[in-house]
Amino acid sequence: MSEENRVGSKIRQLREARDMTIEELAEASQSSVELIQQLEDGALVPSLTPLLKIARALGVRLGTFLDDMPQSGPVIIREGLSENVVRFSGKTERPKKSALEFYSLASDKADRHMEPFIIDIHPSPEESHKLSSHEGEEFIYVLSGEIEIFYGKDVQRLNAGDSIYYDSIIPHDVHAAGKEDARILAVVYAPL
């Protein structure tokens, strides 16, 4: 499977293994048929919230879309240089490029309950940020740069060394503050 369409290929593989049609997956994940088709075909850079709903509808963890050869022992990533990267669009309607690059820190760990990532956040050209929500919790530690988090009606700015832990059921959006890239360590827990 190509690096560019790792997620789409894995969605198709999991859907077909469960004998689900695209329409059934779309209904189960509260997504459109068009979205599922575009993701599977690699024609769309996914955003995180629909991907979480698709993972849940397939009965898998978000990290399953990155897994190649799960192992039961510890997984070690040297110097945070994960080869498993997924690019997300953020929340733009018709994304042309990724706004977020997720580097999995546990992609081959079987039966995990948390999803740790190093995430590069690129500035978004859009002024408005669409809030989204999903079940679970998130922990973010800013490694470099500055991020802004819309959380419900609150806005928080975090700099390198700052952290935040929140319930992700509250509508939220994480983005780079200003025109510079930011890098964060994020740990996401989303129950099946």
N, C-alpha and C. Protein backbone atom coordinates (compact mmCIF):
# COMPACT_ATOMS: atom_id res chain seq x y z
N MET A 1 0.84 -1.17 0.00
CA MET A 1 0.00 0.00 0.00
C MET A 1 0.89 1.23 0.00
N SER A 2 0.48 2.24 -0.74
CA SER A 2 1.31 3.43 -0.86
C SER A 2 1.27 4.24 0.41
N GLU A 3 2.33 4.98 0.67
CA GLU A 3 2.40 5.83 1.85
C GLU A 3 1.30 6.88 1.81
N GLU A 4 1.00 7.37 0.60
CA GLU A 4 0.01 8.43 0.46
C GLU A 4 -1.40 7.98 0.83
N ASN A 5 -1.72 6.70 0.62
CA ASN A 5 -3.08 6.26 0.91
C ASN A 5 -3.11 5.12 1.92
N ARG A 6 -2.24 5.16 2.89
CA ARG A 6 -2.21 4.13 3.93
C ARG A 6 -3.55 4.05 4.66
N VAL A 7 -4.11 5.17 5.06
CA VAL A 7 -5.36 5.19 5.82
C VAL A 7 -6.51 4.67 4.96
N GLY A 8 -6.63 5.17 3.73
CA GLY A 8 -7.72 4.73 2.86
C GLY A 8 -7.67 3.25 2.56
N SER A 9 -6.48 2.74 2.32
CA SER A 9 -6.32 1.31 2.05
C SER A 9 -6.71 0.48 3.26
N LYS A 10 -6.35 0.96 4.45
CA LYS A 10 -6.67 0.22 5.68
C LYS A 10 -8.18 0.27 5.95
N ILE A 11 -8.83 1.41 5.68
CA ILE A 11 -10.28 1.50 5.86
C ILE A 11 -10.96 0.49 4.94
N ARG A 12 -10.56 0.46 3.68
CA ARG A 12 -11.15 -0.48 2.73
C ARG A 12 -10.93 -1.93 3.20
N GLN A 13 -9.72 -2.24 3.60
CA GLN A 13 -9.38 -3.59 4.05
C GLN A 13 -10.24 -4.01 5.24
N LEU A 14 -10.36 -3.14 6.23
CA LEU A 14 -11.16 -3.45 7.41
C LEU A 14 -12.65 -3.55 7.08
N ARG A 15 -13.13 -2.65 6.23
CA ARG A 15 -14.54 -2.68 5.83
C ARG A 15 -14.87 -3.97 5.11
N GLU A 16 -14.02 -4.34 4.15
CA GLU A 16 -14.26 -5.56 3.38
C GLU A 16 -14.13 -6.81 4.25
N ALA A 17 -13.22 -6.80 5.22
CA ALA A 17 -13.06 -7.95 6.12
C ALA A 17 -14.31 -8.15 6.98
N ARG A 18 -15.07 -7.09 7.17
CA ARG A 18 -16.30 -7.17 7.96
C ARG A 18 -17.55 -7.31 7.07
N ASP A 19 -17.32 -7.50 5.76
CA ASP A 19 -18.41 -7.62 4.79
C ASP A 19 -19.37 -6.44 4.87
N MET A 20 -18.81 -5.24 5.03
CA MET A 20 -19.62 -4.02 5.08
C MET A 20 -19.55 -3.33 3.73
N THR A 21 -20.66 -2.77 3.30
CA THR A 21 -20.65 -1.94 2.11
C THR A 21 -20.22 -0.54 2.51
N ILE A 22 -19.87 0.26 1.54
CA ILE A 22 -19.54 1.66 1.82
C ILE A 22 -20.73 2.36 2.46
N GLU A 23 -21.92 2.04 1.98
CA GLU A 23 -23.13 2.66 2.52
C GLU A 23 -23.34 2.28 3.98
N GLU A 24 -23.08 1.04 4.34
CA GLU A 24 -23.23 0.60 5.73
C GLU A 24 -22.21 1.28 6.64
N LEU A 25 -20.99 1.41 6.15
CA LEU A 25 -19.97 2.10 6.95
C LEU A 25 -20.31 3.58 7.10
N ALA A 26 -20.79 4.19 6.04
CA ALA A 26 -21.17 5.60 6.10
C ALA A 26 -22.27 5.81 7.14
N GLU A 27 -23.27 4.94 7.14
CA GLU A 27 -24.36 5.07 8.10
C GLU A 27 -23.87 4.83 9.52
N ALA A 28 -23.07 3.79 9.72
CA ALA A 28 -22.58 3.46 11.06
C ALA A 28 -21.66 4.54 11.63
N SER A 29 -20.95 5.25 10.77
CA SER A 29 -20.01 6.28 11.23
C SER A 29 -20.57 7.70 11.12
N GLN A 30 -21.84 7.80 10.73
CA GLN A 30 -22.48 9.11 10.55
C GLN A 30 -21.68 9.97 9.58
N SER A 31 -21.21 9.33 8.51
CA SER A 31 -20.44 10.01 7.46
C SER A 31 -21.19 9.88 6.15
N SER A 32 -20.75 10.60 5.15
CA SER A 32 -21.36 10.47 3.83
C SER A 32 -20.69 9.35 3.05
N VAL A 33 -21.41 8.77 2.13
CA VAL A 33 -20.86 7.75 1.24
C VAL A 33 -19.70 8.35 0.45
N GLU A 34 -19.87 9.60 0.02
CA GLU A 34 -18.82 10.28 -0.75
C GLU A 34 -17.53 10.39 0.05
N LEU A 35 -17.64 10.72 1.35
CA LEU A 35 -16.46 10.83 2.20
C LEU A 35 -15.72 9.50 2.28
N ILE A 36 -16.45 8.42 2.52
CA ILE A 36 -15.83 7.09 2.62
C ILE A 36 -15.14 6.73 1.30
N GLN A 37 -15.82 6.97 0.19
CA GLN A 37 -15.23 6.66 -1.12
C GLN A 37 -13.96 7.46 -1.36
N GLN A 38 -14.01 8.75 -1.05
CA GLN A 38 -12.84 9.61 -1.27
C GLN A 38 -11.67 9.20 -0.37
N LEU A 39 -11.96 8.82 0.87
CA LEU A 39 -10.90 8.37 1.76
C LEU A 39 -10.28 7.08 1.24
N GLU A 40 -11.13 6.11 0.87
CA GLU A 40 -10.62 4.83 0.38
C GLU A 40 -9.83 4.99 -0.91
N ASP A 41 -10.22 5.92 -1.75
CA ASP A 41 -9.54 6.13 -3.02
C ASP A 41 -8.29 7.01 -2.89
N GLY A 42 -8.08 7.60 -1.71
CA GLY A 42 -6.93 8.47 -1.51
C GLY A 42 -7.12 9.84 -2.13
N ALA A 43 -8.36 10.21 -2.44
CA ALA A 43 -8.64 11.49 -3.08
C ALA A 43 -8.83 12.62 -2.07
N LEU A 44 -8.82 12.27 -0.78
CA LEU A 44 -9.10 13.26 0.26
C LEU A 44 -8.12 13.06 1.40
N VAL A 45 -7.58 14.15 1.90
CA VAL A 45 -6.76 14.09 3.11
C VAL A 45 -7.75 14.10 4.27
N PRO A 46 -7.73 13.07 5.12
CA PRO A 46 -8.77 12.96 6.16
C PRO A 46 -8.61 13.99 7.26
N SER A 47 -9.72 14.29 7.93
CA SER A 47 -9.65 15.06 9.16
C SER A 47 -9.87 14.07 10.30
N LEU A 48 -9.45 14.42 11.48
CA LEU A 48 -9.38 13.49 12.59
C LEU A 48 -10.75 13.04 13.09
N THR A 49 -11.70 13.94 13.23
CA THR A 49 -12.98 13.56 13.81
C THR A 49 -13.72 12.51 13.00
N PRO A 50 -13.88 12.67 11.68
CA PRO A 50 -14.55 11.60 10.93
C PRO A 50 -13.77 10.28 10.99
N LEU A 51 -12.46 10.38 11.04
CA LEU A 51 -11.64 9.17 11.10
C LEU A 51 -11.88 8.43 12.42
N LEU A 52 -12.03 9.15 13.51
CA LEU A 52 -12.35 8.52 14.79
C LEU A 52 -13.71 7.82 14.72
N LYS A 53 -14.68 8.46 14.08
CA LYS A 53 -16.01 7.84 13.95
C LYS A 53 -15.97 6.61 13.06
N ILE A 54 -15.16 6.64 12.02
CA ILE A 54 -15.02 5.49 11.13
C ILE A 54 -14.35 4.34 11.88
N ALA A 55 -13.30 4.66 12.65
CA ALA A 55 -12.62 3.63 13.44
C ALA A 55 -13.60 2.98 14.40
N ARG A 56 -14.39 3.80 15.05
CA ARG A 56 -15.37 3.27 16.01
C ARG A 56 -16.40 2.40 15.31
N ALA A 57 -16.89 2.82 14.14
CA ALA A 57 -17.88 2.03 13.39
C ALA A 57 -17.29 0.69 12.94
N LEU A 58 -15.98 0.66 12.71
CA LEU A 58 -15.31 -0.59 12.32
C LEU A 58 -14.89 -1.42 13.53
N GLY A 59 -15.06 -0.84 14.73
CA GLY A 59 -14.72 -1.55 15.95
C GLY A 59 -13.23 -1.65 16.21
N VAL A 60 -12.48 -0.63 15.76
CA VAL A 60 -11.02 -0.62 15.94
C VAL A 60 -10.58 0.70 16.55
N ARG A 61 -9.35 0.71 17.06
CA ARG A 61 -8.74 1.93 17.57
C ARG A 61 -8.31 2.81 16.40
N LEU A 62 -8.17 4.08 16.63
CA LEU A 62 -7.68 5.00 15.61
C LEU A 62 -6.32 4.54 15.08
N GLY A 63 -5.45 4.09 15.96
CA GLY A 63 -4.11 3.67 15.59
C GLY A 63 -4.08 2.46 14.67
N THR A 64 -5.17 1.72 14.59
CA THR A 64 -5.23 0.57 13.69
C THR A 64 -4.97 0.98 12.26
N PHE A 65 -5.32 2.20 11.90
CA PHE A 65 -5.07 2.67 10.53
C PHE A 65 -3.58 2.82 10.24
N LEU A 66 -2.75 2.78 11.28
CA LEU A 66 -1.30 2.89 11.11
C LEU A 66 -0.58 1.57 11.33
N ASP A 67 -1.25 0.61 11.95
CA ASP A 67 -0.60 -0.64 12.32
C ASP A 67 -0.20 -1.46 11.10
N ASP A 68 0.99 -2.02 11.16
CA ASP A 68 1.45 -2.93 10.13
C ASP A 68 1.59 -4.33 10.69
N MET A 69 2.41 -4.49 11.73
CA MET A 69 2.65 -5.79 12.33
C MET A 69 2.57 -5.66 13.85
N PRO A 70 1.35 -5.69 14.42
CA PRO A 70 1.21 -5.52 15.87
C PRO A 70 2.03 -6.54 16.66
N GLN A 71 2.61 -6.06 17.76
CA GLN A 71 3.38 -6.93 18.63
C GLN A 71 2.92 -6.73 20.06
N SER A 72 3.09 -7.75 20.89
CA SER A 72 2.59 -7.67 22.25
C SER A 72 3.59 -7.06 23.22
N GLY A 73 4.87 -7.08 22.90
CA GLY A 73 5.88 -6.50 23.77
C GLY A 73 5.95 -5.00 23.64
N PRO A 74 6.93 -4.39 24.28
CA PRO A 74 7.07 -2.93 24.19
C PRO A 74 7.46 -2.49 22.78
N VAL A 75 7.05 -1.29 22.44
CA VAL A 75 7.41 -0.68 21.16
C VAL A 75 8.33 0.50 21.47
N ILE A 76 9.46 0.54 20.83
CA ILE A 76 10.43 1.62 21.06
C ILE A 76 10.57 2.43 19.79
N ILE A 77 10.46 3.73 19.93
CA ILE A 77 10.68 4.67 18.83
C ILE A 77 11.86 5.54 19.24
N ARG A 78 12.94 5.46 18.50
CA ARG A 78 14.14 6.21 18.86
C ARG A 78 14.04 7.66 18.39
N GLU A 79 14.31 8.57 19.31
CA GLU A 79 14.34 10.00 19.04
C GLU A 79 13.05 10.53 18.43
N GLY A 80 11.93 9.86 18.70
CA GLY A 80 10.64 10.32 18.20
C GLY A 80 10.49 10.25 16.71
N LEU A 81 11.37 9.48 16.03
CA LEU A 81 11.36 9.44 14.57
C LEU A 81 10.52 8.26 14.07
N SER A 82 9.24 8.37 14.20
CA SER A 82 8.34 7.33 13.74
C SER A 82 8.24 7.36 12.22
N GLU A 83 8.27 6.19 11.62
CA GLU A 83 8.10 6.11 10.17
C GLU A 83 6.62 6.10 9.79
N ASN A 84 5.77 5.88 10.77
CA ASN A 84 4.33 5.84 10.51
C ASN A 84 3.76 7.24 10.69
N VAL A 85 3.49 7.89 9.58
CA VAL A 85 2.95 9.24 9.60
C VAL A 85 1.63 9.26 8.85
N VAL A 86 0.68 9.99 9.40
CA VAL A 86 -0.60 10.20 8.74
C VAL A 86 -0.81 11.70 8.68
N ARG A 87 -1.19 12.17 7.52
CA ARG A 87 -1.43 13.59 7.33
C ARG A 87 -2.93 13.85 7.37
N PHE A 88 -3.31 14.82 8.20
CA PHE A 88 -4.71 15.19 8.34
C PHE A 88 -4.92 16.60 7.80
N SER A 89 -6.14 16.84 7.36
CA SER A 89 -6.45 18.12 6.74
C SER A 89 -6.79 19.21 7.72
N GLY A 90 -7.01 18.87 8.95
CA GLY A 90 -7.61 19.85 9.84
C GLY A 90 -9.10 19.73 9.59
N LYS A 91 -9.78 20.84 9.40
CA LYS A 91 -11.22 20.75 9.20
C LYS A 91 -11.72 21.56 8.01
N THR A 92 -10.86 21.80 7.04
CA THR A 92 -11.27 22.54 5.86
C THR A 92 -12.15 21.67 4.98
N GLU A 93 -13.03 22.29 4.22
CA GLU A 93 -13.99 21.55 3.40
C GLU A 93 -13.33 20.76 2.29
N ARG A 94 -12.47 21.37 1.52
CA ARG A 94 -11.80 20.71 0.39
C ARG A 94 -10.29 20.90 0.53
N PRO A 95 -9.67 20.15 1.42
CA PRO A 95 -8.26 20.37 1.70
C PRO A 95 -7.37 19.99 0.53
N LYS A 96 -6.37 20.80 0.29
CA LYS A 96 -5.38 20.53 -0.76
C LYS A 96 -4.11 19.93 -0.16
N LYS A 97 -3.85 20.24 1.12
CA LYS A 97 -2.66 19.70 1.77
C LYS A 97 -2.96 19.50 3.25
N SER A 98 -2.05 18.83 3.92
CA SER A 98 -2.28 18.53 5.33
C SER A 98 -1.96 19.73 6.21
N ALA A 99 -2.74 19.86 7.27
CA ALA A 99 -2.48 20.88 8.28
C ALA A 99 -1.82 20.24 9.49
N LEU A 100 -1.98 18.91 9.61
CA LEU A 100 -1.46 18.17 10.75
C LEU A 100 -0.74 16.92 10.25
N GLU A 101 0.43 16.66 10.80
CA GLU A 101 1.14 15.42 10.48
C GLU A 101 1.34 14.66 11.78
N PHE A 102 0.68 13.50 11.87
CA PHE A 102 0.70 12.66 13.06
C PHE A 102 1.77 11.59 12.90
N TYR A 103 2.75 11.56 13.80
CA TYR A 103 3.78 10.53 13.82
C TYR A 103 3.46 9.60 15.00
N SER A 104 3.01 8.41 14.69
CA SER A 104 2.60 7.48 15.73
C SER A 104 3.80 7.02 16.54
N LEU A 105 3.63 6.99 17.86
CA LEU A 105 4.69 6.51 18.73
C LEU A 105 4.40 5.11 19.26
N ALA A 106 3.32 4.49 18.78
CA ALA A 106 2.98 3.15 19.26
C ALA A 106 2.23 2.35 18.20
N SER A 107 2.49 2.62 16.93
CA SER A 107 1.68 2.03 15.87
C SER A 107 1.71 0.51 15.84
N ASP A 108 2.76 -0.10 16.33
CA ASP A 108 2.82 -1.56 16.27
C ASP A 108 2.50 -2.22 17.61
N LYS A 109 2.07 -1.46 18.61
CA LYS A 109 1.73 -2.03 19.91
C LYS A 109 0.32 -2.59 19.87
N ALA A 110 0.22 -3.89 20.07
CA ALA A 110 -1.10 -4.55 20.06
C ALA A 110 -1.86 -4.22 21.34
N ASP A 111 -3.17 -4.20 21.24
CA ASP A 111 -4.07 -4.06 22.39
C ASP A 111 -3.80 -2.83 23.25
N ARG A 112 -3.44 -1.72 22.64
CA ARG A 112 -3.19 -0.50 23.41
C ARG A 112 -4.51 0.25 23.62
N HIS A 113 -4.53 1.08 24.64
CA HIS A 113 -5.72 1.86 24.97
C HIS A 113 -5.50 3.35 24.74
N MET A 114 -4.24 3.74 24.53
CA MET A 114 -3.92 5.14 24.28
C MET A 114 -3.24 5.23 22.92
N GLU A 115 -3.32 6.40 22.30
CA GLU A 115 -2.66 6.66 21.02
C GLU A 115 -1.71 7.84 21.21
N PRO A 116 -0.42 7.58 21.41
CA PRO A 116 0.54 8.68 21.55
C PRO A 116 1.08 9.10 20.18
N PHE A 117 1.19 10.40 19.97
CA PHE A 117 1.66 10.95 18.70
C PHE A 117 2.58 12.13 18.94
N ILE A 118 3.52 12.34 18.03
CA ILE A 118 4.17 13.64 17.86
C ILE A 118 3.41 14.24 16.69
N ILE A 119 2.94 15.48 16.82
CA ILE A 119 2.15 16.09 15.76
C ILE A 119 2.78 17.41 15.36
N ASP A 120 3.06 17.54 14.07
CA ASP A 120 3.48 18.81 13.51
C ASP A 120 2.22 19.54 13.07
N ILE A 121 2.05 20.75 13.56
CA ILE A 121 0.86 21.55 13.24
C ILE A 121 1.31 22.72 12.38
N HIS A 122 0.78 22.79 11.18
CA HIS A 122 1.11 23.87 10.26
C HIS A 122 0.03 24.95 10.34
N PRO A 123 0.40 26.20 10.19
CA PRO A 123 -0.60 27.28 10.23
C PRO A 123 -1.69 27.06 9.18
N SER A 124 -2.89 27.41 9.54
CA SER A 124 -4.02 27.28 8.64
C SER A 124 -4.33 28.62 8.01
N PRO A 125 -4.63 28.64 6.71
CA PRO A 125 -4.96 29.91 6.07
C PRO A 125 -6.34 30.41 6.46
N GLU A 126 -7.14 29.54 7.06
CA GLU A 126 -8.51 29.93 7.43
C GLU A 126 -8.53 30.67 8.75
N GLU A 127 -9.37 31.67 8.83
CA GLU A 127 -9.53 32.42 10.06
C GLU A 127 -10.48 31.72 11.02
N SER A 128 -11.51 31.07 10.46
CA SER A 128 -12.48 30.40 11.33
C SER A 128 -12.05 28.95 11.54
N HIS A 129 -12.21 28.47 12.74
CA HIS A 129 -11.84 27.11 13.09
C HIS A 129 -13.10 26.36 13.51
N LYS A 130 -13.34 25.23 12.87
CA LYS A 130 -14.53 24.44 13.16
C LYS A 130 -14.24 23.51 14.33
N LEU A 131 -15.07 23.61 15.35
CA LEU A 131 -14.90 22.76 16.51
C LEU A 131 -15.49 21.39 16.22
N SER A 132 -14.89 20.36 16.80
CA SER A 132 -15.39 19.01 16.66
C SER A 132 -15.28 18.31 18.01
N SER A 133 -15.99 17.21 18.13
CA SER A 133 -15.94 16.47 19.39
C SER A 133 -16.02 14.98 19.11
N HIS A 134 -15.53 14.21 20.06
CA HIS A 134 -15.60 12.75 20.00
C HIS A 134 -15.42 12.25 21.42
N GLU A 135 -15.82 11.02 21.66
CA GLU A 135 -15.66 10.47 23.00
C GLU A 135 -14.18 10.32 23.32
N GLY A 136 -13.85 10.44 24.59
CA GLY A 136 -12.49 10.20 25.02
C GLY A 136 -11.85 11.39 25.71
N GLU A 137 -10.53 11.31 25.81
CA GLU A 137 -9.74 12.33 26.47
C GLU A 137 -8.48 12.58 25.66
N GLU A 138 -7.89 13.76 25.84
CA GLU A 138 -6.65 14.10 25.15
C GLU A 138 -5.70 14.81 26.10
N PHE A 139 -4.43 14.51 25.95
CA PHE A 139 -3.37 15.19 26.67
C PHE A 139 -2.43 15.77 25.62
N ILE A 140 -2.09 17.04 25.75
CA ILE A 140 -1.20 17.71 24.81
C ILE A 140 -0.09 18.40 25.59
N TYR A 141 1.15 18.19 25.12
CA TYR A 141 2.32 18.87 25.66
C TYR A 141 3.00 19.56 24.48
N VAL A 142 3.20 20.86 24.57
CA VAL A 142 3.79 21.62 23.47
C VAL A 142 5.31 21.49 23.51
N LEU A 143 5.86 20.95 22.43
CA LEU A 143 7.31 20.77 22.32
C LEU A 143 7.99 22.00 21.76
N SER A 144 7.36 22.62 20.75
CA SER A 144 7.92 23.84 20.17
C SER A 144 6.80 24.65 19.51
N GLY A 145 7.04 25.92 19.38
CA GLY A 145 6.04 26.79 18.78
C GLY A 145 4.95 27.18 19.77
N GLU A 146 3.86 27.64 19.20
CA GLU A 146 2.72 28.09 20.01
C GLU A 146 1.44 27.55 19.38
N ILE A 147 0.55 27.03 20.21
CA ILE A 147 -0.73 26.55 19.70
C ILE A 147 -1.86 27.29 20.39
N GLU A 148 -3.00 27.24 19.74
CA GLU A 148 -4.21 27.81 20.30
C GLU A 148 -5.24 26.70 20.33
N ILE A 149 -5.96 26.60 21.44
CA ILE A 149 -6.98 25.57 21.58
C ILE A 149 -8.31 26.24 21.88
N PHE A 150 -9.27 26.01 21.00
CA PHE A 150 -10.64 26.41 21.28
C PHE A 150 -11.27 25.22 21.99
N TYR A 151 -11.80 25.43 23.19
CA TYR A 151 -12.38 24.36 23.98
C TYR A 151 -13.70 24.88 24.53
N GLY A 152 -14.79 24.41 23.92
CA GLY A 152 -16.09 24.97 24.27
C GLY A 152 -16.08 26.44 23.92
N LYS A 153 -16.35 27.28 24.91
CA LYS A 153 -16.35 28.73 24.67
C LYS A 153 -15.03 29.38 25.09
N ASP A 154 -14.10 28.57 25.59
CA ASP A 154 -12.81 29.09 26.05
C ASP A 154 -11.76 29.00 24.95
N VAL A 155 -10.76 29.88 25.06
CA VAL A 155 -9.62 29.86 24.15
C VAL A 155 -8.36 29.85 25.02
N GLN A 156 -7.47 28.89 24.76
CA GLN A 156 -6.22 28.79 25.51
C GLN A 156 -5.05 28.89 24.54
N ARG A 157 -4.02 29.63 24.90
CA ARG A 157 -2.78 29.67 24.13
C ARG A 157 -1.71 28.97 24.94
N LEU A 158 -1.01 28.05 24.30
CA LEU A 158 0.03 27.30 24.97
C LEU A 158 1.34 27.45 24.22
N ASN A 159 2.42 27.60 24.98
CA ASN A 159 3.77 27.73 24.43
C ASN A 159 4.57 26.48 24.77
N ALA A 160 5.76 26.39 24.22
CA ALA A 160 6.65 25.26 24.51
C ALA A 160 6.77 25.06 26.02
N GLY A 161 6.58 23.83 26.46
CA GLY A 161 6.63 23.49 27.88
C GLY A 161 5.27 23.47 28.55
N ASP A 162 4.24 24.04 27.92
CA ASP A 162 2.89 24.04 28.49
C ASP A 162 2.17 22.74 28.12
N SER A 163 1.17 22.37 28.92
CA SER A 163 0.38 21.19 28.61
C SER A 163 -1.08 21.43 28.97
N ILE A 164 -1.94 20.57 28.42
CA ILE A 164 -3.37 20.63 28.70
C ILE A 164 -3.92 19.21 28.62
N TYR A 165 -4.87 18.90 29.47
CA TYR A 165 -5.55 17.60 29.48
C TYR A 165 -7.04 17.94 29.48
N TYR A 166 -7.80 17.36 28.53
CA TYR A 166 -9.21 17.72 28.45
C TYR A 166 -10.07 16.55 27.95
N ASP A 167 -11.37 16.68 28.23
CA ASP A 167 -12.36 15.73 27.73
C ASP A 167 -12.68 16.12 26.29
N SER A 168 -12.49 15.18 25.37
CA SER A 168 -12.66 15.52 23.96
C SER A 168 -14.11 15.48 23.50
N ILE A 169 -15.04 15.17 24.40
CA ILE A 169 -16.46 15.24 24.07
C ILE A 169 -16.91 16.71 23.98
N ILE A 170 -16.16 17.60 24.64
CA ILE A 170 -16.43 19.04 24.54
C ILE A 170 -15.90 19.50 23.18
N PRO A 171 -16.71 20.21 22.39
CA PRO A 171 -16.23 20.68 21.08
C PRO A 171 -14.92 21.45 21.23
N HIS A 172 -13.94 21.10 20.37
CA HIS A 172 -12.62 21.69 20.48
C HIS A 172 -11.92 21.76 19.12
N ASP A 173 -10.88 22.55 19.08
CA ASP A 173 -10.04 22.66 17.89
C ASP A 173 -8.63 23.04 18.35
N VAL A 174 -7.64 22.35 17.82
CA VAL A 174 -6.23 22.64 18.12
C VAL A 174 -5.58 23.10 16.82
N HIS A 175 -4.91 24.24 16.86
CA HIS A 175 -4.26 24.76 15.67
C HIS A 175 -3.05 25.60 16.06
N ALA A 176 -2.18 25.82 15.08
CA ALA A 176 -1.01 26.67 15.32
C ALA A 176 -1.48 28.10 15.55
N ALA A 177 -0.84 28.75 16.49
CA ALA A 177 -1.16 30.16 16.75
C ALA A 177 -0.19 30.99 15.91
N GLY A 178 -0.71 31.86 15.11
CA GLY A 178 0.14 32.69 14.28
C GLY A 178 0.54 32.00 12.99
N LYS A 179 1.70 32.38 12.47
CA LYS A 179 2.13 31.91 11.16
C LYS A 179 3.28 30.91 11.21
N GLU A 180 3.64 30.44 12.41
CA GLU A 180 4.75 29.49 12.57
C GLU A 180 4.23 28.10 12.88
N ASP A 181 5.00 27.08 12.46
CA ASP A 181 4.67 25.70 12.79
C ASP A 181 4.81 25.48 14.29
N ALA A 182 4.10 24.47 14.78
CA ALA A 182 4.23 24.05 16.18
C ALA A 182 4.38 22.53 16.18
N ARG A 183 4.96 22.02 17.25
CA ARG A 183 5.10 20.56 17.40
C ARG A 183 4.63 20.21 18.81
N ILE A 184 3.77 19.18 18.88
CA ILE A 184 3.23 18.77 20.17
C ILE A 184 3.37 17.26 20.35
N LEU A 185 3.36 16.85 21.61
CA LEU A 185 3.18 15.45 21.97
C LEU A 185 1.72 15.35 22.39
N ALA A 186 0.98 14.46 21.76
CA ALA A 186 -0.43 14.28 22.09
C ALA A 186 -0.70 12.83 22.40
N VAL A 187 -1.47 12.60 23.44
CA VAL A 187 -1.91 11.26 23.79
C VAL A 187 -3.44 11.30 23.75
N VAL A 188 -4.01 10.46 22.88
CA VAL A 188 -5.47 10.44 22.68
C VAL A 188 -6.01 9.12 23.19
N TYR A 189 -7.06 9.21 23.98
CA TYR A 189 -7.79 8.01 24.40
C TYR A 189 -9.19 8.14 23.86
N ALA A 190 -9.58 7.19 23.03
CA ALA A 190 -10.94 7.15 22.48
C ALA A 190 -11.46 5.73 22.68
N PRO A 191 -12.47 5.56 23.54
CA PRO A 191 -12.99 4.21 23.80
C PRO A 191 -13.64 3.63 22.56
N LEU A 192 -13.61 2.32 22.45
CA LEU A 192 -14.24 1.65 21.30
C LEU A 192 -15.74 1.69 21.42
